[in-house]
Every structure is written in structure tokens, then in C-alpha cells.
Amino acid sequence: MSSNLIFYDTETTGIHKDFSQIIQCGSIFTDSFLNTIDEQNIGCKPLPWVIPQPKAMLTNKKINSFKSNVSHYEMMKDIQSQWKEWCVESPSIFITYNGHAFDEELIRRQFWCNLLEPYITNTNQNGRLDLMLMIHNIGCFFSDQISIPLFEDGPALSIKLEHLADEHGIDVSDAHDAISDCKFMIGLCRVIKEKIPDVFKSFMNISTKEGIKNLLYSNEFLALGEIYRRHPFKYPVVICGADKSRPNDICFFDLSFDPEEIIDLDFSEINKIIQSGGRDLPLKKYKINKTIPICSSKLLTENNHFDISHEELQRRANIVNGNKDFFTKVSQAMEDRIMNFPEPAYIEGTIYSGGFPSYRDQDLMKEFHLSDNLEQLIKISRNFEDERFRFLAERIICSKHQAEIPEDIKTRFDDLIHERVETEGKWGSLEKSLQEIEKLMDETSEKEDLNILLATKEKLLSMKS
């Protein structure tokens, strides 16, 4: 288990992973006992081509960002520099809440868009953990020890971070502030660590690929717990296949099904199950590079979570583990899957599709970050082998410098501003956002909300002009 932890949270201009922007990032660095060692709380102004969404601003209340003199590029550089400094002496586990679906994806994209290393949270032996997915498992199997709040008096559950924090006596008066949400996560982890320390340790261990593989191939059946549409779903599972071409993709066998009725199916039938997917099928696909809400069945303090005894479930697990032919067929079916990923239409979406930077481009990125000289920055931008990095470098240059920009670079930048501000697309619509503000102002009498909406309107109008 890594000795140190980094909790982080972001506040953003919207919810679209490709076109929203981080305007605040809070990070708290702790030791393994959850004692704070250091923290960083940093914000920036919105980029000139990013439309702040009214509902997002009502949630995060960060209208002070509109007057910030810190650029997005400066903020992202400072975040990465701080995180790397914290990880110098030993690897750390980066902990978010619903981060695998949102915060982590934004951080990666915005490191990448600023020519920074996008994958520092799970490289160099660092691990990453989505605390919300840990809560999925806890809500299913350990709710007697860690109470989960009800949604609107039940029976549905609420796993919102601020609701969980409030349930366990953590002050939630400043919810939706990035550094405060980090403190909520730390407080929640203290509760989990104190009441179910072995479960807490297990999730810390599976925050890395090596750790999750050790659990997956331990030959014992595992307890998979998910909260779907606010209701718990419990599955006894064992690994039964892995995709060699996509090494992060694995498949579980749901031991609620009798393996003797499944393992002798021919390849075409297994392939059909794999291709169809679905929550109620015996084969379930997951990715080991993201938090999987599983723990060892040995950690379960009760034997009544499943309709089948633990002895019978382990017997079934042994049958699956012992059938190498079944593992081979499932693995082949995983590999044969047809994965249709449409080619991204915009540069922000190409982080995963366009390949890694060449060694030459990596060296140029390092040079770029070390220079403040406009002429040198332009020269570096023109020498990138991958045109994506050339375009991204030009955005940074034009955001930093107003004069003496070459005509071709200035034209591309002006075209970007025009597209994102004057036209409607996945990035939003300035006109529709202004209309939404008027509607929201008619629906509220709260002074704080009105001030936020007025400030956001002023910001949008300034973009229009």
C-alpha cells in the first residue's frame, strides 16, 4: 500500500468532459493515517472560448473566477508541478469522488490540452481510487457498519458526497467548493478506516493494476456491489477472462448462475453473451484501470448477502477457476468484440484516439514550458510533428500574448473563438445560456443565486461583444 494519499476535486464551467473547463482545483496531500501534510487550492479565469453554464455556476458559485488574473495554462502547470512534488519520495494514491466518470477525465484532458503529461495519476507506481465506487461496495455489504443516507426517506439510497458527510457528522456548510469536498472525502475515509479497516486497506490495495490483479487471481470468490438508480445490487463473482488486445478489460462470471450450465457452451454462445452485455447476464465486463467496487468474500461479516451459501459459491468459483478452456473462450470473445468508437470531430476529444506524442514532441513540450519568449514559443509550436500539439500550443500562445502573433496563427485562433462563441455545438450556445439565465432569474428570489446569475450574464455578454 502506498504511504501517501492525494485527495482532489474540481469545480468546472459545465459537465461536458471535452468542452467544460476546470476553474478551481483543490488538492490535499495526507499520510496513510489521513493526517494533512500539505494542500493546494488554486483557481483560474475561464478560457475565452469556453461558455460558463448558468447551472454549473449556481452549483459551484465561483463567479470570482471571472475576474481572476490566473490563466488556465498557469493553473494546470501549477497543479501538475505540485502533484509531482508530492510524489517525489514515494508513489501516492489519487482519490476522487465520482472522479473516474468526471474529475479524472477533465484533469487528463486539460493536462493534455496544455501539453502536460495527462496520466500522472496512474503512472510511476501511483494509484487512483474513486471513493464513490468504494461506497457502492460498502452500501451493499457493510451498511451496518457505515450507514448510507436514504434518498427522500427511502428505501432508495443517496450516495452524494455531501449527504454521506452529513450522515457521519462532517460539516457540509461549504459543499461544492473543491477544497471542502476534499475535506469531506478525508472525513469519510476516516470513518471507513476506523470502522472497517480491512475493507479500507483492501480498496487502497486495488488502486493500482498490480493490486487489483492480486485480488482478481486470488482464487477466492469476490463480492461485487453496485448502487444503480439508488438501489443496491450484489453479485458473487470470479474472473473468467481477459482481453489480450485491450489489457485493461476483464470479465467476471456471476456465481449466482450455475457454472456447469455455462462453461460448456460453445464459443458462438459465449460470444453472444459477451457482445450483448447487460446487468442480468452471467458474464460481466469491467476495466482494471478504474476502481471496481469489489472486495474479497473473506471480508464479509455476514453470510446472508447472497441466496447461495458461501461454501457453494466457493465451489462454483473453483469450477470456473479450474476450467482453462472456458477462460480461453471468454478471453477470445472479449478480444473479438467489435468496438465502434466514432472519430472525434474536435481536437479536445482526441486524447485517446490520436496516439501518444513522439519522443521529439515530448522534448518540444518540455522546451515550451520553460520559455516565456514569444518568438521561441512560436518556433517550438511550428516544429511539433503532431499537428494536434501545434494547434494546442497556438491556443496557449494566443491566450498569453496579444500582439505580434503571426497571421496564420491569429486566424486559426480567431476562428476558434468565433466557432465556440458565435455558433451552437456540443460546447453549448451563448444565446441559449443567456436565455437560460433569464428563465432561472424568473424562478428564484434567492439573493445569492440572483447575484451569481447576474455575474454570469455579464460574463457571457462580454464574450458576445
Protein backbone atom coordinates (compact mmCIF):
# COMPACT_ATOMS: atom_id res chain seq x y z
CA MET A 1 0.00 0.00 0.00
CA SER A 2 1.36 3.45 -0.91
CA SER A 3 2.13 5.55 2.12
CA ASN A 4 0.59 8.82 0.96
CA LEU A 5 -2.76 9.92 -0.44
CA ILE A 6 -3.78 12.86 -2.63
CA PHE A 7 -7.43 13.87 -2.45
CA TYR A 8 -8.58 16.22 -5.19
CA ASP A 9 -11.75 17.76 -6.54
CA THR A 10 -12.60 20.22 -9.28
CA GLU A 11 -15.17 22.92 -9.92
CA THR A 12 -15.97 23.48 -13.57
CA THR A 13 -17.84 25.63 -16.08
CA GLY A 14 -20.11 22.73 -17.09
CA ILE A 15 -20.50 18.97 -17.33
CA HIS A 16 -19.24 18.17 -20.85
CA LYS A 17 -15.87 16.45 -20.47
CA ASP A 18 -14.45 17.78 -23.74
CA PHE A 19 -15.72 21.35 -23.67
CA SER A 20 -16.03 22.31 -20.00
CA GLN A 21 -13.14 23.86 -18.12
CA ILE A 22 -11.74 23.46 -14.62
CA ILE A 23 -11.88 26.82 -12.84
CA GLN A 24 -10.91 25.55 -9.38
CA CYS A 25 -8.95 22.53 -8.21
CA GLY A 26 -8.48 21.66 -4.56
CA SER A 27 -5.92 19.04 -3.51
CA ILE A 28 -4.99 17.78 -0.06
CA PHE A 29 -1.89 15.65 0.50
CA THR A 30 -2.06 13.28 3.50
CA ASP A 31 -0.10 10.45 5.02
CA SER A 32 -1.52 6.93 5.33
CA PHE A 33 -3.14 7.92 8.64
CA LEU A 34 -5.06 10.69 6.85
CA ASN A 35 -3.09 13.48 8.54
CA THR A 36 -2.77 16.51 6.27
CA ILE A 37 0.78 17.20 5.10
CA ASP A 38 0.08 19.92 2.54
CA GLU A 39 -2.69 21.32 0.40
CA GLN A 40 -3.22 23.34 -2.75
CA ASN A 41 -6.28 25.43 -3.60
CA ILE A 42 -6.00 27.10 -6.98
CA GLY A 43 -8.34 28.73 -9.48
CA CYS A 44 -8.24 30.50 -12.81
CA LYS A 45 -10.28 32.55 -15.26
CA PRO A 46 -12.38 30.88 -17.96
CA LEU A 47 -10.78 30.49 -21.36
CA PRO A 48 -12.10 32.96 -23.97
CA TRP A 49 -13.72 30.15 -25.97
CA VAL A 50 -15.41 28.38 -23.02
CA ILE A 51 -19.03 29.27 -22.19
CA PRO A 52 -19.72 29.08 -18.42
CA GLN A 53 -23.01 27.24 -17.96
CA PRO A 54 -25.51 29.01 -15.65
CA LYS A 55 -26.49 25.90 -13.63
CA ALA A 56 -22.85 24.95 -13.14
CA MET A 57 -22.10 28.43 -11.80
CA LEU A 58 -25.11 28.23 -9.47
CA THR A 59 -23.70 24.98 -8.11
CA ASN A 60 -20.07 25.99 -7.63
CA LYS A 61 -20.63 29.73 -7.03
CA LYS A 62 -17.17 30.52 -8.46
CA ILE A 63 -18.07 33.85 -10.09
CA ASN A 64 -14.83 35.30 -8.67
CA SER A 65 -13.11 33.29 -11.41
CA PHE A 66 -14.46 35.78 -13.96
CA LYS A 67 -12.09 38.43 -12.58
CA SER A 68 -9.11 36.14 -11.96
CA ASN A 69 -5.73 37.12 -13.39
CA VAL A 70 -4.53 33.47 -13.38
CA SER A 71 -4.66 31.72 -16.75
CA HIS A 72 -5.86 28.17 -17.25
CA TYR A 73 -2.41 27.23 -18.54
CA GLU A 74 -0.72 28.59 -15.40
CA MET A 75 -3.18 26.76 -13.15
CA MET A 76 -2.76 23.39 -14.87
CA LYS A 77 1.03 23.72 -14.79
CA ASP A 78 0.93 24.52 -11.07
CA ILE A 79 -1.37 21.57 -10.33
CA GLN A 80 0.89 19.12 -12.14
CA SER A 81 4.04 20.58 -10.59
CA GLN A 82 2.57 20.29 -7.08
CA TRP A 83 1.32 16.74 -7.58
CA LYS A 84 4.68 15.61 -8.95
CA GLU A 85 6.46 17.22 -5.99
CA TRP A 86 4.20 15.34 -3.58
CA CYS A 87 5.05 12.05 -5.33
CA VAL A 88 8.83 12.52 -5.44
CA GLU A 89 9.72 10.46 -2.37
CA SER A 90 7.13 7.71 -2.84
CA PRO A 91 4.12 6.90 -5.04
CA SER A 92 0.73 8.21 -3.94
CA ILE A 93 -2.89 7.20 -4.38
CA PHE A 94 -5.05 9.88 -6.02
CA ILE A 95 -8.55 9.82 -4.54
CA THR A 96 -11.63 11.44 -6.09
CA TYR A 97 -15.38 11.16 -5.66
CA ASN A 98 -17.02 10.09 -8.92
CA GLY A 99 -13.69 11.05 -10.44
CA HIS A 100 -13.42 8.18 -12.92
CA ALA A 101 -16.54 9.49 -14.64
CA PHE A 102 -15.73 13.20 -14.45
CA ASP A 103 -12.89 14.90 -12.50
CA GLU A 104 -10.22 12.45 -13.63
CA GLU A 105 -11.30 12.77 -17.24
CA LEU A 106 -11.24 16.57 -17.10
CA ILE A 107 -7.85 16.62 -15.41
CA ARG A 108 -6.41 14.31 -18.05
CA ARG A 109 -7.85 16.27 -20.95
CA GLN A 110 -6.77 19.62 -19.58
CA PHE A 111 -3.25 18.48 -18.76
CA TRP A 112 -3.12 17.16 -22.32
CA CYS A 113 -4.58 20.35 -23.86
CA ASN A 114 -1.84 22.30 -22.08
CA LEU A 115 0.93 20.00 -23.38
CA LEU A 116 1.41 18.40 -19.94
CA GLU A 117 1.61 14.72 -19.00
CA PRO A 118 -2.01 13.51 -18.85
CA TYR A 119 -1.63 10.22 -16.96
CA ILE A 120 0.35 11.10 -13.84
CA THR A 121 -2.37 9.76 -11.50
CA ASN A 122 -1.81 6.15 -12.57
CA THR A 123 1.78 6.05 -13.80
CA ASN A 124 5.13 5.93 -11.95
CA GLN A 125 3.53 3.47 -9.48
CA ASN A 126 0.85 5.97 -8.47
CA GLY A 127 -2.64 4.59 -7.91
CA ARG A 128 -6.09 6.07 -8.26
CA LEU A 129 -9.29 5.35 -6.36
CA ASP A 130 -12.84 6.53 -6.94
CA LEU A 131 -14.25 6.78 -3.41
CA MET A 132 -17.81 6.77 -4.74
CA LEU A 133 -17.31 3.27 -6.16
CA MET A 134 -15.91 2.17 -2.82
CA ILE A 135 -19.16 3.46 -1.30
CA HIS A 136 -21.08 1.29 -3.80
CA ASN A 137 -19.43 -1.78 -2.27
CA ILE A 138 -19.87 -0.54 1.28
CA GLY A 139 -23.54 0.30 0.71
CA CYS A 140 -24.15 -3.25 -0.47
CA PHE A 141 -22.14 -5.24 2.06
CA PHE A 142 -21.16 -3.07 5.05
CA SER A 143 -24.09 -0.71 5.64
CA ASP A 144 -24.44 -1.97 9.22
CA GLN A 145 -21.01 -0.50 9.97
CA ILE A 146 -21.12 2.51 7.62
CA SER A 147 -24.63 3.94 7.36
CA ILE A 148 -25.74 5.18 3.95
CA PRO A 149 -28.29 8.03 3.96
CA LEU A 150 -31.71 7.48 2.43
CA PHE A 151 -32.97 9.40 -0.57
CA GLU A 152 -36.23 11.19 0.25
CA ASP A 153 -36.93 8.93 3.27
CA GLY A 154 -36.11 5.72 1.41
CA PRO A 155 -35.98 2.96 0.57
CA ALA A 156 -33.69 4.38 -2.15
CA LEU A 157 -30.17 5.39 -1.10
CA SER A 158 -28.30 8.65 -1.58
CA ILE A 159 -24.57 8.44 -2.22
CA LYS A 160 -23.99 12.15 -2.79
CA LEU A 161 -20.77 13.14 -1.05
CA GLU A 162 -22.33 15.94 1.00
CA HIS A 163 -25.18 13.64 2.14
CA LEU A 164 -22.70 10.98 3.27
CA ALA A 165 -20.59 13.59 5.03
CA ASP A 166 -23.64 14.97 6.81
CA GLU A 167 -24.73 11.43 7.78
CA HIS A 168 -21.43 10.96 9.58
CA GLY A 169 -21.26 14.32 11.33
CA ILE A 170 -18.93 16.10 8.91
CA ASP A 171 -19.64 19.83 8.46
CA VAL A 172 -21.17 20.30 5.00
CA SER A 173 -21.82 24.04 5.13
CA ASP A 174 -19.39 24.66 2.27
CA ALA A 175 -20.37 21.88 -0.15
CA HIS A 176 -19.35 22.23 -3.80
CA ASP A 177 -16.13 24.00 -3.01
CA ALA A 178 -13.23 21.92 -4.28
CA ILE A 179 -11.06 22.06 -1.15
CA SER A 180 -14.10 21.50 1.09
CA ASP A 181 -15.10 18.43 -0.92
CA CYS A 182 -11.56 17.09 -0.37
CA LYS A 183 -12.08 17.52 3.37
CA PHE A 184 -15.41 15.67 3.10
CA MET A 185 -13.61 12.77 1.40
CA ILE A 186 -10.92 12.69 4.08
CA GLY A 187 -13.55 12.73 6.83
CA LEU A 188 -15.45 9.90 5.15
CA CYS A 189 -12.25 7.88 4.76
CA ARG A 190 -11.52 8.34 8.47
CA VAL A 191 -14.91 6.84 9.29
CA ILE A 192 -14.36 3.89 6.93
CA LYS A 193 -10.80 3.31 8.14
CA GLU A 194 -11.90 3.31 11.76
CA LYS A 195 -14.98 1.09 11.40
CA ILE A 196 -13.95 -1.36 8.66
CA PRO A 197 -10.15 -1.05 8.43
CA ASP A 198 -9.64 -4.23 6.40
CA VAL A 199 -12.09 -3.04 3.74
CA PHE A 200 -10.38 0.35 3.62
CA LYS A 201 -7.00 -1.34 3.24
CA SER A 202 -8.35 -3.61 0.50
CA PHE A 203 -9.53 -0.65 -1.58
CA MET A 204 -6.22 1.14 -1.13
CA ASN A 205 -4.51 -2.02 -2.35
CA ILE A 206 -6.64 -2.31 -5.51
CA SER A 207 -5.94 1.29 -6.53
CA THR A 208 -3.10 0.02 -8.76
CA LYS A 209 -3.18 -2.56 -11.56
CA GLU A 210 -0.82 -4.80 -9.62
CA GLY A 211 -3.06 -4.64 -6.57
CA ILE A 212 -6.29 -5.37 -8.45
CA LYS A 213 -4.65 -8.29 -10.27
CA ASN A 214 -3.53 -9.78 -6.95
CA LEU A 215 -7.14 -9.76 -5.76
CA LEU A 216 -8.62 -10.98 -9.06
CA TYR A 217 -6.32 -14.01 -9.24
CA SER A 218 -6.52 -14.93 -5.56
CA ASN A 219 -8.82 -17.95 -6.32
CA GLU A 220 -11.47 -16.84 -3.82
CA PHE A 221 -14.83 -15.55 -4.92
CA LEU A 222 -15.31 -11.80 -4.74
CA ALA A 223 -18.17 -9.59 -3.59
CA LEU A 224 -19.16 -7.06 -6.27
CA GLY A 225 -21.53 -4.36 -5.05
CA GLU A 226 -23.14 -1.64 -7.16
CA ILE A 227 -25.71 1.03 -6.38
CA TYR A 228 -27.75 1.51 -9.53
CA ARG A 229 -30.57 4.04 -9.63
CA ARG A 230 -30.17 4.39 -5.87
CA HIS A 231 -30.70 0.69 -5.16
CA PRO A 232 -28.05 -1.89 -4.16
CA PHE A 233 -27.18 -4.87 -6.36
CA LYS A 234 -24.97 -7.65 -5.04
CA TYR A 235 -23.06 -10.16 -7.15
CA PRO A 236 -20.71 -13.01 -6.16
CA VAL A 237 -18.10 -13.09 -8.93
CA VAL A 238 -14.82 -14.58 -10.09
CA ILE A 239 -12.62 -13.56 -13.01
CA CYS A 240 -13.23 -15.74 -16.08
CA GLY A 241 -11.47 -13.96 -18.95
CA ALA A 242 -9.22 -11.13 -20.05
CA ASP A 243 -8.77 -9.29 -23.33
CA LYS A 244 -5.16 -9.59 -24.53
CA SER A 245 -5.57 -6.83 -27.09
CA ARG A 246 -7.08 -4.45 -24.51
CA PRO A 247 -5.20 -5.44 -21.34
CA ASN A 248 -7.37 -3.32 -19.04
CA ASP A 249 -10.56 -5.23 -19.97
CA ILE A 250 -11.54 -8.29 -17.90
CA CYS A 251 -14.67 -10.38 -17.49
CA PHE A 252 -16.35 -11.71 -14.34
CA PHE A 253 -18.51 -14.79 -14.04
CA ASP A 254 -21.58 -14.18 -11.87
CA LEU A 255 -21.69 -17.14 -9.49
CA SER A 256 -25.42 -16.66 -8.99
CA PHE A 257 -25.51 -18.76 -12.17
CA ASP A 258 -24.52 -22.42 -12.02
CA PRO A 259 -21.24 -22.59 -13.95
CA GLU A 260 -21.92 -26.16 -15.01
CA GLU A 261 -24.72 -24.78 -17.19
CA ILE A 262 -22.46 -22.16 -18.79
CA ILE A 263 -18.85 -23.33 -19.08
CA ASP A 264 -19.56 -25.97 -21.75
CA LEU A 265 -21.38 -23.55 -24.05
CA ASP A 266 -19.73 -23.36 -27.45
CA PHE A 267 -17.79 -20.27 -28.46
CA SER A 268 -20.61 -18.71 -30.50
CA GLU A 269 -22.96 -18.78 -27.49
CA ILE A 270 -20.32 -17.29 -25.18
CA ASN A 271 -19.54 -14.67 -27.79
CA LYS A 272 -23.22 -13.74 -27.98
CA ILE A 273 -23.35 -13.14 -24.22
CA ILE A 274 -20.17 -11.04 -24.32
CA GLN A 275 -21.41 -8.94 -27.24
CA SER A 276 -24.84 -8.30 -25.73
CA GLY A 277 -23.71 -7.26 -22.26
CA GLY A 278 -26.37 -6.42 -19.68
CA ARG A 279 -26.71 -6.37 -15.91
CA ASP A 280 -28.52 -9.71 -15.59
CA LEU A 281 -26.23 -11.93 -17.66
CA PRO A 282 -23.64 -14.37 -16.25
CA LEU A 283 -20.67 -12.57 -17.84
CA LYS A 284 -19.88 -9.01 -16.75
CA LYS A 285 -17.19 -6.78 -18.28
CA TYR A 286 -15.03 -4.36 -16.24
CA LYS A 287 -11.81 -2.37 -16.57
CA ILE A 288 -8.94 -2.88 -14.13
CA ASN A 289 -7.58 0.64 -14.73
CA LYS A 290 -10.64 2.03 -12.94
CA THR A 291 -11.95 1.32 -9.46
CA ILE A 292 -14.06 -1.86 -9.43
CA PRO A 293 -16.38 -2.00 -6.38
CA ILE A 294 -15.22 -5.45 -5.25
CA CYS A 295 -13.72 -6.96 -2.14
CA SER A 296 -12.76 -10.44 -1.02
CA SER A 297 -15.66 -12.55 0.22
CA LYS A 298 -13.49 -13.22 3.28
CA LEU A 299 -14.10 -9.62 4.38
CA LEU A 300 -17.87 -10.10 4.56
CA THR A 301 -19.01 -10.16 8.15
CA GLU A 302 -22.38 -11.73 7.29
CA ASN A 303 -23.25 -14.82 5.25
CA ASN A 304 -26.71 -13.70 4.12
CA HIS A 305 -25.84 -11.28 1.31
CA PHE A 306 -26.50 -13.89 -1.37
CA ASP A 307 -29.21 -16.50 -1.79
CA ILE A 308 -26.49 -19.15 -2.04
CA SER A 309 -24.16 -20.22 0.77
CA HIS A 310 -20.54 -19.10 0.72
CA GLU A 311 -19.44 -22.74 0.56
CA GLU A 312 -21.44 -23.33 -2.61
CA LEU A 313 -20.25 -20.05 -4.14
CA GLN A 314 -16.64 -21.01 -3.48
CA ARG A 315 -17.27 -24.44 -5.00
CA ARG A 316 -18.61 -22.73 -8.12
CA ALA A 317 -15.65 -20.34 -8.15
CA ASN A 318 -13.30 -23.32 -8.07
CA ILE A 319 -15.07 -24.84 -11.09
CA VAL A 320 -14.64 -21.63 -13.08
CA ASN A 321 -11.03 -21.18 -11.98
CA GLY A 322 -10.22 -24.76 -12.88
CA ASN A 323 -11.61 -24.64 -16.41
CA LYS A 324 -8.87 -23.14 -18.59
CA ASP A 325 -10.82 -23.85 -21.78
CA PHE A 326 -13.69 -21.64 -20.56
CA PHE A 327 -11.22 -18.85 -19.67
CA THR A 328 -9.75 -19.11 -23.18
CA LYS A 329 -13.15 -18.94 -24.88
CA VAL A 330 -14.27 -15.93 -22.81
CA SER A 331 -10.95 -14.18 -23.44
CA GLN A 332 -11.25 -14.77 -27.17
CA ALA A 333 -14.82 -13.46 -27.18
CA MET A 334 -13.60 -10.34 -25.33
CA GLU A 335 -10.89 -9.86 -27.92
CA ASP A 336 -13.31 -10.36 -30.83
CA ARG A 337 -15.65 -7.62 -29.67
CA ILE A 338 -16.48 -5.00 -32.25
CA MET A 339 -15.71 -1.66 -30.66
CA ASN A 340 -17.21 1.20 -32.64
CA PHE A 341 -15.73 4.45 -31.43
CA PRO A 342 -16.59 7.36 -33.76
CA GLU A 343 -13.64 9.50 -34.74
CA PRO A 344 -13.72 12.66 -32.60
CA ALA A 345 -14.68 15.75 -34.58
CA TYR A 346 -12.79 18.15 -32.30
CA ILE A 347 -9.24 18.21 -31.03
CA GLU A 348 -10.30 18.03 -27.35
CA GLY A 349 -11.73 14.55 -27.92
CA THR A 350 -8.62 13.04 -29.50
CA ILE A 351 -6.66 12.44 -26.30
CA TYR A 352 -7.27 8.68 -26.53
CA SER A 353 -7.59 8.28 -30.29
CA GLY A 354 -4.65 10.13 -31.78
CA GLY A 355 -1.78 8.22 -30.22
CA PHE A 356 0.94 9.21 -27.78
CA PRO A 357 3.36 12.06 -28.56
CA SER A 358 6.63 11.11 -30.19
CA TYR A 359 9.84 11.49 -28.19
CA ARG A 360 10.62 14.59 -30.28
CA ASP A 361 7.25 16.15 -29.44
CA GLN A 362 7.71 15.30 -25.76
CA ASP A 363 11.05 17.13 -25.78
CA LEU A 364 9.44 20.11 -27.52
CA MET A 365 6.71 20.24 -24.86
CA LYS A 366 9.35 20.47 -22.14
CA GLU A 367 11.06 23.30 -24.03
CA PHE A 368 7.72 25.05 -24.48
CA HIS A 369 7.03 25.12 -20.73
CA LEU A 370 10.48 26.57 -19.99
CA SER A 371 10.15 29.57 -22.31
CA ASP A 372 8.34 32.89 -22.00
CA ASN A 373 9.77 34.25 -25.23
CA LEU A 374 7.05 34.67 -27.85
CA GLU A 375 9.38 34.08 -30.80
CA GLN A 376 10.72 30.90 -29.23
CA LEU A 377 7.22 29.62 -28.37
CA ILE A 378 6.08 30.16 -31.97
CA LYS A 379 9.16 28.36 -33.26
CA ILE A 380 8.51 25.39 -30.96
CA SER A 381 4.83 25.24 -31.96
CA ARG A 382 5.71 25.05 -35.65
CA ASN A 383 8.08 22.15 -35.05
CA PHE A 384 5.61 19.71 -33.46
CA GLU A 385 5.31 16.55 -35.55
CA ASP A 386 1.70 16.00 -34.44
CA GLU A 387 -0.48 18.87 -35.65
CA ARG A 388 -2.75 18.46 -32.61
CA PHE A 389 0.04 19.69 -30.37
CA ARG A 390 0.80 22.53 -32.77
CA PHE A 391 -2.82 23.73 -32.56
CA LEU A 392 -2.89 23.35 -28.76
CA ALA A 393 0.37 25.28 -28.45
CA GLU A 394 -1.10 28.06 -30.59
CA ARG A 395 -4.08 28.35 -28.24
CA ILE A 396 -1.74 28.81 -25.28
CA ILE A 397 0.37 31.36 -27.18
CA CYS A 398 -2.65 33.44 -28.22
CA SER A 399 -4.08 33.32 -24.69
CA LYS A 400 -0.77 34.65 -23.28
CA HIS A 401 0.16 37.19 -25.93
CA GLN A 402 -1.97 39.82 -27.66
CA ALA A 403 0.46 41.33 -30.13
CA GLU A 404 2.97 40.19 -32.75
CA ILE A 405 1.13 36.91 -33.40
CA PRO A 406 1.75 35.58 -36.94
CA GLU A 407 -1.26 35.99 -39.19
CA ASP A 408 -1.90 32.27 -39.76
CA ILE A 409 -1.87 31.52 -36.02
CA LYS A 410 -4.08 34.52 -35.23
CA THR A 411 -6.56 33.47 -37.92
CA ARG A 412 -6.88 29.95 -36.51
CA PHE A 413 -7.36 31.37 -33.01
CA ASP A 414 -9.98 33.87 -34.16
CA ASP A 415 -11.80 31.06 -35.98
CA LEU A 416 -11.84 29.03 -32.76
CA ILE A 417 -13.33 31.93 -30.79
CA HIS A 418 -15.93 32.55 -33.48
CA GLU A 419 -16.95 28.90 -33.64
CA ARG A 420 -17.29 28.42 -29.88
CA VAL A 421 -18.90 31.78 -29.09
CA GLU A 422 -20.93 32.64 -32.17
CA THR A 423 -22.22 29.19 -33.16
CA GLU A 424 -24.04 26.37 -31.36
CA GLY A 425 -22.47 22.95 -30.83
CA LYS A 426 -21.54 20.36 -28.22
CA TRP A 427 -19.68 23.16 -26.44
CA GLY A 428 -23.02 24.88 -25.81
CA SER A 429 -24.65 28.05 -27.06
CA LEU A 430 -24.07 31.58 -25.83
CA GLU A 431 -27.58 32.66 -26.81
CA LYS A 432 -29.24 29.66 -25.14
CA SER A 433 -27.21 30.20 -21.98
CA LEU A 434 -28.34 33.82 -21.85
CA GLN A 435 -31.96 32.68 -22.30
CA GLU A 436 -31.49 30.11 -19.55
CA ILE A 437 -30.22 32.81 -17.20
CA GLU A 438 -33.37 34.87 -17.76
CA LYS A 439 -35.53 31.83 -17.06
CA LEU A 440 -33.60 30.95 -13.89
CA MET A 441 -33.79 34.54 -12.64
CA ASP A 442 -37.58 34.47 -13.04
CA GLU A 443 -37.72 31.26 -10.96
CA THR A 444 -35.67 32.35 -7.95
CA SER A 445 -35.81 35.06 -5.33
CA GLU A 446 -32.60 34.00 -3.55
CA LYS A 447 -30.26 36.97 -3.44
CA GLU A 448 -27.10 34.87 -3.76
CA ASP A 449 -28.46 32.98 -6.77
CA LEU A 450 -29.52 36.22 -8.44
CA ASN A 451 -26.04 37.69 -7.92
CA ILE A 452 -24.45 34.59 -9.44
CA LEU A 453 -26.78 34.69 -12.44
CA LEU A 454 -26.20 38.41 -12.98
CA ALA A 455 -22.43 37.95 -12.84
CA THR A 456 -22.63 35.04 -15.26
CA LYS A 457 -24.82 37.07 -17.61
CA GLU A 458 -22.32 39.92 -17.53
CA LYS A 459 -19.53 37.46 -18.36
CA LEU A 460 -21.46 35.97 -21.30
CA LEU A 461 -22.34 39.39 -22.68
CA SER A 462 -18.68 40.39 -22.54
CA MET A 463 -17.85 37.30 -24.62
CA LYS A 464 -20.51 38.26 -27.13
CA SER A 465 -19.10 41.73 -27.53
